Amino acid sequence: MVRHVLAAMRVYSPPLSSCSGAGNGLIDKRIMKSDLSISVSGSLAACPSSALVAEPGRPWPVRLGKRLRGTFDRLIAGSSLVANAPVLDVRDFVWTALLRDQWQDILAEARTVALVAPSLATISPDHRAIAEIGKWRSYFLWGYGYRIDDNLTRCPRTRDVLASIPGLATAFFSILAPGTHIPPHRGVSKGLITCHLALIVPRAGDVRMRVQDRIVRWSEGETLVFDDTYDHEVWNDTDGTRVVLLIQFERPLRRPGKWIADLFLGAVRRSAFVQEARANIARWNAVVEQMDG
């Protein structure tokens, strides 16, 4: 695996560019390592020994879940203790205030790790239909209830803030390259709600997301809460890089929706959809450690 990484290092000559907005330091002089990260993503994905591919078959939770997701989501929605709307009111989630208070500390940590963030499609083969290699990168801290301890250690302030979030399931730095379009898609379950903490939002151009029939835009240091089971897509029509801390947390539910959500998400957590991604994160981190060593 390492020889593929070294080969990528030898042949890749990155372009010069910069990131607009408050996060100019994310790219500038370290762009070579950042773009090398993208190149290495491609090498890993193509490397037979890395096994970074999805299994052709999917276990029953994913197959059955896709067929019954609408039924599950309707039952969960009927038990929801918060609004069942595409975009939710951040005031209904008091813990988001801590994210806003600490956003600059979180941004500082994002800058230190974004350069070694792999493409989401490299980590999660199931996302390859919507996440082109090198366009959408991710640095995972939590994934479906699993802690990524190596990554959390590099982001201690973010780790502490995440510990205050009730029902935390997933958290990662979501990094969109200039010109990226994430096509329409839907999330796994209405049992989860998504929160974005905007860290870097380029100003020259338009960065936006459509959630159902609403267009929303990010503002640095602010939070956005939405239900990703509604059809949504994202555009970064700028020359800069957009970075958010993406968080998924359990929807506040009464029974029986709580039982249904817990059962379904527990099955997904044990499925190849999640377990392959966990293994790929471990492989990626091992390569990065060898490169740094």
C-alpha atoms as a PDB file:
ATOM      1  CA  MET A   1       0.000   0.000   0.000  1.00  0.00           C
ATOM      2  CA  VAL A   2       2.791   2.393   0.921  1.00  0.00           C
ATOM      3  CA  ARG A   3       4.439   2.093  -2.493  1.00  0.00           C
ATOM      4  CA  HIS A   4       1.201   3.302  -4.113  1.00  0.00           C
ATOM      5  CA  VAL A   5       1.272   6.327  -1.826  1.00  0.00           C
ATOM      6  CA  LEU A   6       4.920   7.028  -2.593  1.00  0.00           C
ATOM      7  CA  ALA A   7       4.264   6.686  -6.313  1.00  0.00           C
ATOM      8  CA  ALA A   8       1.477   9.224  -6.051  1.00  0.00           C
ATOM      9  CA  MET A   9       3.825  11.574  -4.224  1.00  0.00           C
ATOM     10  CA  ARG A  10       6.398  11.327  -7.008  1.00  0.00           C
ATOM     11  CA  VAL A  11       4.070  11.914  -9.953  1.00  0.00           C
ATOM     12  CA  TYR A  12       1.568  14.405  -8.546  1.00  0.00           C
ATOM     13  CA  SER A  13       2.228  18.093  -9.162  1.00  0.00           C
ATOM     14  CA  PRO A  14      -0.516  20.145  -7.472  1.00  0.00           C
ATOM     15  CA  PRO A  15      -1.852  23.423  -8.812  1.00  0.00           C
ATOM     16  CA  LEU A  16      -1.559  26.674  -6.917  1.00  0.00           C
ATOM     17  CA  SER A  17      -4.829  27.957  -5.499  1.00  0.00           C
ATOM     18  CA  SER A  18      -6.220  29.546  -2.387  1.00  0.00           C
ATOM     19  CA  CYS A  19      -9.272  29.334  -0.196  1.00  0.00           C
ATOM     20  CA  SER A  20     -11.434  32.431   0.169  1.00  0.00           C
ATOM     21  CA  GLY A  21     -13.289  33.375   3.329  1.00  0.00           C
ATOM     22  CA  ALA A  22     -12.090  33.308   6.921  1.00  0.00           C
ATOM     23  CA  GLY A  23     -10.248  30.036   6.428  1.00  0.00           C
ATOM     24  CA  ASN A  24      -7.513  31.202   4.073  1.00  0.00           C
ATOM     25  CA  GLY A  25      -4.946  29.278   6.106  1.00  0.00           C
ATOM     26  CA  LEU A  26      -6.571  25.958   5.227  1.00  0.00           C
ATOM     27  CA  ILE A  27      -5.026  25.747   1.777  1.00  0.00           C
ATOM     28  CA  ASP A  28      -2.387  28.398   0.883  1.00  0.00           C
ATOM     29  CA  LYS A  29       1.164  27.186   1.613  1.00  0.00           C
ATOM     30  CA  ARG A  30       0.043  23.680   2.503  1.00  0.00           C
ATOM     31  CA  ILE A  31      -1.979  23.077  -0.634  1.00  0.00           C
ATOM     32  CA  MET A  32       0.578  20.549  -1.887  1.00  0.00           C
ATOM     33  CA  LYS A  33      -0.097  18.229   1.002  1.00  0.00           C
ATOM     34  CA  SER A  34      -3.839  18.874   0.734  1.00  0.00           C
ATOM     35  CA  ASP A  35      -3.987  18.011  -2.961  1.00  0.00           C
ATOM     36  CA  LEU A  36      -1.635  15.111  -2.407  1.00  0.00           C
ATOM     37  CA  SER A  37      -4.269  13.795  -0.020  1.00  0.00           C
ATOM     38  CA  ILE A  38      -6.713  13.803  -2.930  1.00  0.00           C
ATOM     39  CA  SER A  39      -4.203  12.023  -5.150  1.00  0.00           C
ATOM     40  CA  VAL A  40      -3.507   9.404  -2.508  1.00  0.00           C
ATOM     41  CA  SER A  41      -7.267   8.829  -2.216  1.00  0.00           C
ATOM     42  CA  GLY A  42      -7.283   7.761  -5.821  1.00  0.00           C
ATOM     43  CA  SER A  43      -4.286   5.505  -5.321  1.00  0.00           C
ATOM     44  CA  LEU A  44      -5.835   3.809  -2.319  1.00  0.00           C
ATOM     45  CA  ALA A  45      -9.125   3.299  -4.062  1.00  0.00           C
ATOM     46  CA  ALA A  46      -7.354   1.615  -6.964  1.00  0.00           C
ATOM     47  CA  CYS A  47      -4.987  -0.448  -4.829  1.00  0.00           C
ATOM     48  CA  PRO A  48      -6.042  -4.117  -4.678  1.00  0.00           C
ATOM     49  CA  SER A  49      -4.326  -4.708  -1.345  1.00  0.00           C
ATOM     50  CA  SER A  50      -6.291  -1.941   0.332  1.00  0.00           C
ATOM     51  CA  ALA A  51      -9.631  -3.681  -0.337  1.00  0.00           C
ATOM     52  CA  LEU A  52     -11.386  -0.322  -0.382  1.00  0.00           C
ATOM     53  CA  VAL A  53     -14.417  -1.593  -2.255  1.00  0.00           C
ATOM     54  CA  ALA A  54     -17.963  -2.371  -1.291  1.00  0.00           C
ATOM     55  CA  GLU A  55     -19.058  -5.964  -1.084  1.00  0.00           C
ATOM     56  CA  PRO A  56     -21.348  -6.770  -4.035  1.00  0.00           C
ATOM     57  CA  GLY A  57     -24.110  -7.993  -1.716  1.00  0.00           C
ATOM     58  CA  ARG A  58     -25.589  -6.031   1.107  1.00  0.00           C
ATOM     59  CA  PRO A  59     -26.834  -7.583   4.370  1.00  0.00           C
ATOM     60  CA  TRP A  60     -30.534  -7.610   5.162  1.00  0.00           C
ATOM     61  CA  PRO A  61     -30.674  -4.355   7.189  1.00  0.00           C
ATOM     62  CA  VAL A  62     -29.576  -2.296   4.205  1.00  0.00           C
ATOM     63  CA  ARG A  63     -31.570  -4.218   1.576  1.00  0.00           C
ATOM     64  CA  LEU A  64     -34.710  -4.431   3.693  1.00  0.00           C
ATOM     65  CA  GLY A  65     -34.230  -0.919   5.002  1.00  0.00           C
ATOM     66  CA  LYS A  66     -34.213   0.562   1.504  1.00  0.00           C
ATOM     67  CA  ARG A  67     -37.479  -1.198   0.697  1.00  0.00           C
ATOM     68  CA  LEU A  68     -39.194  -0.294   3.954  1.00  0.00           C
ATOM     69  CA  ARG A  69     -37.531   3.041   4.676  1.00  0.00           C
ATOM     70  CA  GLY A  70     -40.654   4.995   3.798  1.00  0.00           C
ATOM     71  CA  THR A  71     -42.754   2.928   6.198  1.00  0.00           C
ATOM     72  CA  PHE A  72     -40.156   3.167   8.955  1.00  0.00           C
ATOM     73  CA  ASP A  73     -39.807   6.915   8.468  1.00  0.00           C
ATOM     74  CA  ARG A  74     -43.563   7.492   8.645  1.00  0.00           C
ATOM     75  CA  LEU A  75     -43.770   5.568  11.917  1.00  0.00           C
ATOM     76  CA  ILE A  76     -40.786   7.458  13.321  1.00  0.00           C
ATOM     77  CA  ALA A  77     -42.186  10.814  12.192  1.00  0.00           C
ATOM     78  CA  GLY A  78     -45.427  10.084  14.018  1.00  0.00           C
ATOM     79  CA  SER A  79     -43.466   9.666  17.258  1.00  0.00           C
ATOM     80  CA  SER A  80     -41.223  12.719  16.842  1.00  0.00           C
ATOM     81  CA  LEU A  81     -40.938  15.201  19.701  1.00  0.00           C
ATOM     82  CA  VAL A  82     -39.652  17.889  17.322  1.00  0.00           C
ATOM     83  CA  ALA A  83     -40.984  19.206  14.030  1.00  0.00           C
ATOM     84  CA  ASN A  84     -41.097  16.889  11.039  1.00  0.00           C
ATOM     85  CA  ALA A  85     -39.840  19.508   8.593  1.00  0.00           C
ATOM     86  CA  PRO A  86     -36.996  19.729   6.065  1.00  0.00           C
ATOM     87  CA  VAL A  87     -35.246  22.499   8.033  1.00  0.00           C
ATOM     88  CA  LEU A  88     -35.605  22.683  11.811  1.00  0.00           C
ATOM     89  CA  ASP A  89     -35.295  25.519  14.317  1.00  0.00           C
ATOM     90  CA  VAL A  90     -31.862  25.491  15.993  1.00  0.00           C
ATOM     91  CA  ARG A  91     -33.511  26.872  19.139  1.00  0.00           C
ATOM     92  CA  ASP A  92     -35.108  23.457  19.645  1.00  0.00           C
ATOM     93  CA  PHE A  93     -31.611  22.036  20.211  1.00  0.00           C
ATOM     94  CA  VAL A  94     -30.026  24.061  22.992  1.00  0.00           C
ATOM     95  CA  TRP A  95     -26.676  22.293  22.727  1.00  0.00           C
ATOM     96  CA  THR A  96     -26.048  23.921  19.331  1.00  0.00           C
ATOM     97  CA  ALA A  97     -25.192  27.112  21.253  1.00  0.00           C
ATOM     98  CA  LEU A  98     -21.967  25.474  22.449  1.00  0.00           C
ATOM     99  CA  LEU A  99     -20.989  24.728  18.853  1.00  0.00           C
ATOM    100  CA  ARG A 100     -21.484  28.370  17.953  1.00  0.00           C
ATOM    101  CA  ASP A 101     -19.566  29.545  21.019  1.00  0.00           C
ATOM    102  CA  GLN A 102     -16.599  27.274  20.273  1.00  0.00           C
ATOM    103  CA  TRP A 103     -16.590  27.453  16.492  1.00  0.00           C
ATOM    104  CA  GLN A 104     -13.228  29.186  16.150  1.00  0.00           C
ATOM    105  CA  ASP A 105     -11.484  26.544  18.271  1.00  0.00           C
ATOM    106  CA  ILE A 106     -13.156  23.859  16.178  1.00  0.00           C
ATOM    107  CA  LEU A 107     -12.074  25.657  12.991  1.00  0.00           C
ATOM    108  CA  ALA A 108      -8.471  25.738  14.208  1.00  0.00           C
ATOM    109  CA  GLU A 109      -8.524  21.971  14.688  1.00  0.00           C
ATOM    110  CA  ALA A 110     -10.214  21.427  11.329  1.00  0.00           C
ATOM    111  CA  ARG A 111      -7.352  23.299   9.663  1.00  0.00           C
ATOM    112  CA  THR A 112      -4.803  20.928  11.183  1.00  0.00           C
ATOM    113  CA  VAL A 113      -6.500  17.738  10.006  1.00  0.00           C
ATOM    114  CA  ALA A 114      -8.254  18.690   6.762  1.00  0.00           C
ATOM    115  CA  LEU A 115      -5.019  18.171   4.863  1.00  0.00           C
ATOM    116  CA  VAL A 116      -5.088  14.444   5.591  1.00  0.00           C
ATOM    117  CA  ALA A 117      -8.827  13.967   5.098  1.00  0.00           C
ATOM    118  CA  PRO A 118      -9.572  11.251   2.529  1.00  0.00           C
ATOM    119  CA  SER A 119     -12.282  11.351  -0.081  1.00  0.00           C
ATOM    120  CA  LEU A 120     -15.605  10.173   1.312  1.00  0.00           C
ATOM    121  CA  ALA A 121     -15.875   7.730  -1.598  1.00  0.00           C
ATOM    122  CA  THR A 122     -12.586   6.165  -0.510  1.00  0.00           C
ATOM    123  CA  ILE A 123     -13.833   5.622   3.025  1.00  0.00           C
ATOM    124  CA  SER A 124     -17.427   4.679   2.177  1.00  0.00           C
ATOM    125  CA  PRO A 125     -17.822   2.886  -1.155  1.00  0.00           C
ATOM    126  CA  ASP A 126     -21.599   3.223  -0.829  1.00  0.00           C
ATOM    127  CA  HIS A 127     -21.211   6.980  -1.362  1.00  0.00           C
ATOM    128  CA  ARG A 128     -19.415   6.717  -4.695  1.00  0.00           C
ATOM    129  CA  ALA A 129     -22.566   7.535  -6.658  1.00  0.00           C
ATOM    130  CA  ILE A 130     -22.714  11.015  -5.083  1.00  0.00           C
ATOM    131  CA  ALA A 131     -19.148  11.682  -3.897  1.00  0.00           C
ATOM    132  CA  GLU A 132     -16.544  11.957  -6.641  1.00  0.00           C
ATOM    133  CA  ILE A 133     -12.983  11.142  -5.573  1.00  0.00           C
ATOM    134  CA  GLY A 134     -11.245  14.338  -4.490  1.00  0.00           C
ATOM    135  CA  LYS A 135     -14.387  16.484  -4.526  1.00  0.00           C
ATOM    136  CA  TRP A 136     -15.972  15.616  -1.174  1.00  0.00           C
ATOM    137  CA  ARG A 137     -13.508  14.745   1.574  1.00  0.00           C
ATOM    138  CA  SER A 138     -14.242  13.761   5.150  1.00  0.00           C
ATOM    139  CA  TYR A 139     -12.365  13.519   8.428  1.00  0.00           C
ATOM    140  CA  PHE A 140     -14.387  11.251  10.697  1.00  0.00           C
ATOM    141  CA  LEU A 141     -14.484  11.690  14.465  1.00  0.00           C
ATOM    142  CA  TRP A 142     -17.538   9.522  15.115  1.00  0.00           C
ATOM    143  CA  GLY A 143     -19.391   7.147  12.801  1.00  0.00           C
ATOM    144  CA  TYR A 144     -22.759   5.620  13.686  1.00  0.00           C
ATOM    145  CA  GLY A 145     -21.896   5.555  17.369  1.00  0.00           C
ATOM    146  CA  TYR A 146     -18.300   4.362  16.912  1.00  0.00           C
ATOM    147  CA  ARG A 147     -15.564   6.663  18.189  1.00  0.00           C
ATOM    148  CA  ILE A 148     -12.568   7.195  15.897  1.00  0.00           C
ATOM    149  CA  ASP A 149     -10.109   7.588  18.758  1.00  0.00           C
ATOM    150  CA  ASP A 150      -7.018   8.358  16.648  1.00  0.00           C
ATOM    151  CA  ASN A 151      -8.826  11.265  15.006  1.00  0.00           C
ATOM    152  CA  LEU A 152     -10.481  12.508  18.198  1.00  0.00           C
ATOM    153  CA  THR A 153      -7.062  12.697  19.845  1.00  0.00           C
ATOM    154  CA  ARG A 154      -5.967  15.180  17.167  1.00  0.00           C
ATOM    155  CA  CYS A 155      -9.026  17.364  17.843  1.00  0.00           C
ATOM    156  CA  PRO A 156      -9.346  17.587  21.650  1.00  0.00           C
ATOM    157  CA  ARG A 157     -11.512  20.703  21.779  1.00  0.00           C
ATOM    158  CA  THR A 158     -13.891  19.363  19.162  1.00  0.00           C
ATOM    159  CA  ARG A 159     -13.950  16.042  21.022  1.00  0.00           C
ATOM    160  CA  ASP A 160     -15.014  17.781  24.233  1.00  0.00           C
ATOM    161  CA  VAL A 161     -17.755  19.756  22.498  1.00  0.00           C
ATOM    162  CA  LEU A 162     -19.091  16.623  20.794  1.00  0.00           C
ATOM    163  CA  ALA A 163     -19.296  14.908  24.184  1.00  0.00           C
ATOM    164  CA  SER A 164     -22.052  17.367  25.149  1.00  0.00           C
ATOM    165  CA  ILE A 165     -24.367  16.382  22.282  1.00  0.00           C
ATOM    166  CA  PRO A 166     -27.215  14.077  23.346  1.00  0.00           C
ATOM    167  CA  GLY A 167     -27.608  11.019  21.148  1.00  0.00           C
ATOM    168  CA  LEU A 168     -24.513  11.735  19.042  1.00  0.00           C
ATOM    169  CA  ALA A 169     -24.203   9.219  16.209  1.00  0.00           C
ATOM    170  CA  THR A 170     -21.796  10.670  13.630  1.00  0.00           C
ATOM    171  CA  ALA A 171     -19.454  13.651  13.358  1.00  0.00           C
ATOM    172  CA  PHE A 172     -16.945  14.549  10.679  1.00  0.00           C
ATOM    173  CA  PHE A 173     -15.365  17.535   8.986  1.00  0.00           C
ATOM    174  CA  SER A 174     -17.050  17.724   5.582  1.00  0.00           C
ATOM    175  CA  ILE A 175     -14.814  19.377   2.991  1.00  0.00           C
ATOM    176  CA  LEU A 176     -16.118  20.367  -0.450  1.00  0.00           C
ATOM    177  CA  ALA A 177     -13.658  21.300  -3.168  1.00  0.00           C
ATOM    178  CA  PRO A 178     -14.306  24.254  -5.503  1.00  0.00           C
ATOM    179  CA  GLY A 179     -16.906  23.507  -8.149  1.00  0.00           C
ATOM    180  CA  THR A 180     -18.348  20.492  -6.352  1.00  0.00           C
ATOM    181  CA  HIS A 181     -21.959  19.458  -6.840  1.00  0.00           C
ATOM    182  CA  ILE A 182     -23.378  16.738  -4.600  1.00  0.00           C
ATOM    183  CA  PRO A 183     -26.372  15.366  -6.519  1.00  0.00           C
ATOM    184  CA  PRO A 184     -29.805  14.788  -4.962  1.00  0.00           C
ATOM    185  CA  HIS A 185     -29.868  12.076  -2.304  1.00  0.00           C
ATOM    186  CA  ARG A 186     -31.559  11.074   0.943  1.00  0.00           C
ATOM    187  CA  GLY A 187     -30.284  10.022   4.343  1.00  0.00           C
ATOM    188  CA  VAL A 188     -30.547   6.599   5.938  1.00  0.00           C
ATOM    189  CA  SER A 189     -33.234   7.120   8.570  1.00  0.00           C
ATOM    190  CA  LYS A 190     -35.575   9.736  10.023  1.00  0.00           C
ATOM    191  CA  GLY A 191     -34.297   8.486  13.371  1.00  0.00           C
ATOM    192  CA  LEU A 192     -31.323  10.811  12.804  1.00  0.00           C
ATOM    193  CA  ILE A 193     -31.203  14.590  12.406  1.00  0.00           C
ATOM    194  CA  THR A 194     -28.279  16.446  10.818  1.00  0.00           C
ATOM    195  CA  CYS A 195     -26.560  19.575  12.108  1.00  0.00           C
ATOM    196  CA  HIS A 196     -23.935  21.613  10.240  1.00  0.00           C
ATOM    197  CA  LEU A 197     -21.559  23.995  11.996  1.00  0.00           C
ATOM    198  CA  ALA A 198     -20.198  26.240   9.247  1.00  0.00           C
ATOM    199  CA  LEU A 199     -16.428  26.706   9.534  1.00  0.00           C
ATOM    200  CA  ILE A 200     -15.291  27.968   6.123  1.00  0.00           C
ATOM    201  CA  VAL A 201     -17.745  29.452   3.639  1.00  0.00           C
ATOM    202  CA  PRO A 202     -16.177  31.034   0.532  1.00  0.00           C
ATOM    203  CA  ARG A 203     -17.577  34.482  -0.154  1.00  0.00           C
ATOM    204  CA  ALA A 204     -16.796  34.884  -3.846  1.00  0.00           C
ATOM    205  CA  GLY A 205     -19.594  32.933  -5.506  1.00  0.00           C
ATOM    206  CA  ASP A 206     -22.457  30.871  -4.168  1.00  0.00           C
ATOM    207  CA  VAL A 207     -22.395  27.924  -1.757  1.00  0.00           C
ATOM    208  CA  ARG A 208     -25.853  26.552  -1.088  1.00  0.00           C
ATOM    209  CA  MET A 209     -27.944  23.501  -0.279  1.00  0.00           C
ATOM    210  CA  ARG A 210     -31.428  22.567  -1.372  1.00  0.00           C
ATOM    211  CA  VAL A 211     -33.462  20.623   1.180  1.00  0.00           C
ATOM    212  CA  GLN A 212     -36.766  19.589  -0.410  1.00  0.00           C
ATOM    213  CA  ASP A 213     -38.085  22.921  -1.740  1.00  0.00           C
ATOM    214  CA  ARG A 214     -35.938  25.201   0.424  1.00  0.00           C
ATOM    215  CA  ILE A 215     -32.589  26.771  -0.467  1.00  0.00           C
ATOM    216  CA  VAL A 216     -30.329  27.383   2.529  1.00  0.00           C
ATOM    217  CA  ARG A 217     -26.882  28.929   2.835  1.00  0.00           C
ATOM    218  CA  TRP A 218     -24.217  28.661   5.497  1.00  0.00           C
ATOM    219  CA  SER A 219     -22.757  31.464   7.592  1.00  0.00           C
ATOM    220  CA  GLU A 220     -19.435  30.947   9.345  1.00  0.00           C
ATOM    221  CA  GLY A 221     -19.866  30.186  13.031  1.00  0.00           C
ATOM    222  CA  GLU A 222     -23.577  29.438  12.672  1.00  0.00           C
ATOM    223  CA  THR A 223     -25.474  26.153  12.836  1.00  0.00           C
ATOM    224  CA  LEU A 224     -28.015  24.669  10.462  1.00  0.00           C
ATOM    225  CA  VAL A 225     -30.269  21.764  11.492  1.00  0.00           C
ATOM    226  CA  PHE A 226     -32.163  19.725   8.908  1.00  0.00           C
ATOM    227  CA  ASP A 227     -33.711  16.346   8.172  1.00  0.00           C
ATOM    228  CA  ASP A 228     -31.569  14.634   5.561  1.00  0.00           C
ATOM    229  CA  THR A 229     -34.255  12.087   4.683  1.00  0.00           C
ATOM    230  CA  TYR A 230     -35.755  14.857   2.579  1.00  0.00           C
ATOM    231  CA  ASP A 231     -34.272  15.037  -0.904  1.00  0.00           C
ATOM    232  CA  HIS A 232     -31.291  17.393  -0.785  1.00  0.00           C
ATOM    233  CA  GLU A 233     -28.273  18.460  -2.837  1.00  0.00           C
ATOM    234  CA  VAL A 234     -25.320  20.824  -2.444  1.00  0.00           C
ATOM    235  CA  TRP A 235     -23.418  23.210  -4.728  1.00  0.00           C
ATOM    236  CA  ASN A 236     -20.067  24.889  -4.158  1.00  0.00           C
ATOM    237  CA  ASP A 237     -20.044  27.313  -7.073  1.00  0.00           C
ATOM    238  CA  THR A 238     -16.922  29.121  -5.884  1.00  0.00           C
ATOM    239  CA  ASP A 239     -13.155  28.956  -6.246  1.00  0.00           C
ATOM    240  CA  GLY A 240     -12.774  28.169  -2.539  1.00  0.00           C
ATOM    241  CA  THR A 241     -13.182  25.211  -0.216  1.00  0.00           C
ATOM    242  CA  ARG A 242     -16.264  24.863   1.978  1.00  0.00           C
ATOM    243  CA  VAL A 243     -15.799  23.189   5.378  1.00  0.00           C
ATOM    244  CA  VAL A 244     -18.476  22.287   7.917  1.00  0.00           C
ATOM    245  CA  LEU A 245     -18.553  20.085  10.983  1.00  0.00           C
ATOM    246  CA  LEU A 246     -21.313  17.638  10.065  1.00  0.00           C
ATOM    247  CA  ILE A 247     -23.093  16.055  13.015  1.00  0.00           C
ATOM    248  CA  GLN A 248     -25.846  13.464  13.096  1.00  0.00           C
ATOM    249  CA  PHE A 249     -27.750  12.882  16.313  1.00  0.00           C
ATOM    250  CA  GLU A 250     -30.726  10.831  17.401  1.00  0.00           C
ATOM    251  CA  ARG A 251     -34.115  12.419  16.820  1.00  0.00           C
ATOM    252  CA  PRO A 252     -36.003  12.977  20.092  1.00  0.00           C
ATOM    253  CA  LEU A 253     -38.756  10.338  19.955  1.00  0.00           C
ATOM    254  CA  ARG A 254     -41.520   8.789  22.008  1.00  0.00           C
ATOM    255  CA  ARG A 255     -42.458   5.132  21.714  1.00  0.00           C
ATOM    256  CA  PRO A 256     -43.012   3.243  19.440  1.00  0.00           C
ATOM    257  CA  GLY A 257     -40.914   5.359  17.067  1.00  0.00           C
ATOM    258  CA  LYS A 258     -37.967   5.191  19.457  1.00  0.00           C
ATOM    259  CA  TRP A 259     -38.030   1.395  19.387  1.00  0.00           C
ATOM    260  CA  ILE A 260     -38.220   1.302  15.594  1.00  0.00           C
ATOM    261  CA  ALA A 261     -35.397   3.815  15.136  1.00  0.00           C
ATOM    262  CA  ASP A 262     -33.135   2.061  17.640  1.00  0.00           C
ATOM    263  CA  LEU A 263     -33.750  -1.341  16.052  1.00  0.00           C
ATOM    264  CA  PHE A 264     -33.096  -0.138  12.518  1.00  0.00           C
ATOM    265  CA  LEU A 265     -30.059   2.007  13.337  1.00  0.00           C
ATOM    266  CA  GLY A 266     -28.593  -0.776  15.465  1.00  0.00           C
ATOM    267  CA  ALA A 267     -28.813  -3.121  12.486  1.00  0.00           C
ATOM    268  CA  VAL A 268     -27.254  -0.545  10.156  1.00  0.00           C
ATOM    269  CA  ARG A 269     -24.465   0.010  12.690  1.00  0.00           C
ATOM    270  CA  ARG A 270     -23.523  -3.671  12.459  1.00  0.00           C
ATOM    271  CA  SER A 271     -23.850  -3.851   8.674  1.00  0.00           C
ATOM    272  CA  ALA A 272     -21.144  -3.757   6.006  1.00  0.00           C
ATOM    273  CA  PHE A 273     -22.260  -0.211   5.162  1.00  0.00           C
ATOM    274  CA  VAL A 274     -20.696   0.946   8.442  1.00  0.00           C
ATOM    275  CA  GLN A 275     -18.119  -1.758   9.119  1.00  0.00           C
ATOM    276  CA  GLU A 276     -16.389  -1.325   5.745  1.00  0.00           C
ATOM    277  CA  ALA A 277     -16.085   2.395   6.399  1.00  0.00           C
ATOM    278  CA  ARG A 278     -14.574   1.755   9.849  1.00  0.00           C
ATOM    279  CA  ALA A 279     -11.990  -0.586   8.331  1.00  0.00           C
ATOM    280  CA  ASN A 280     -11.147   1.897   5.583  1.00  0.00           C
ATOM    281  CA  ILE A 281     -10.642   4.714   8.096  1.00  0.00           C
ATOM    282  CA  ALA A 282      -8.193   2.508   9.997  1.00  0.00           C
ATOM    283  CA  ARG A 283      -6.327   1.691   6.763  1.00  0.00           C
ATOM    284  CA  TRP A 284      -6.207   5.341   5.758  1.00  0.00           C
ATOM    285  CA  ASN A 285      -4.873   6.427   9.143  1.00  0.00           C
ATOM    286  CA  ALA A 286      -2.188   3.742   8.974  1.00  0.00           C
ATOM    287  CA  VAL A 287      -1.005   5.059   5.595  1.00  0.00           C
ATOM    288  CA  VAL A 288      -0.957   8.650   6.848  1.00  0.00           C
ATOM    289  CA  GLU A 289       1.042   7.605   9.906  1.00  0.00           C
ATOM    290  CA  GLN A 290       3.594   5.818   7.710  1.00  0.00           C
ATOM    291  CA  MET A 291       3.883   8.870   5.458  1.00  0.00           C
ATOM    292  CA  ASP A 292       4.406  11.175   8.424  1.00  0.00           C
ATOM    293  CA  GLY A 293       6.924   8.790   9.902  1.00  0.00           C
END
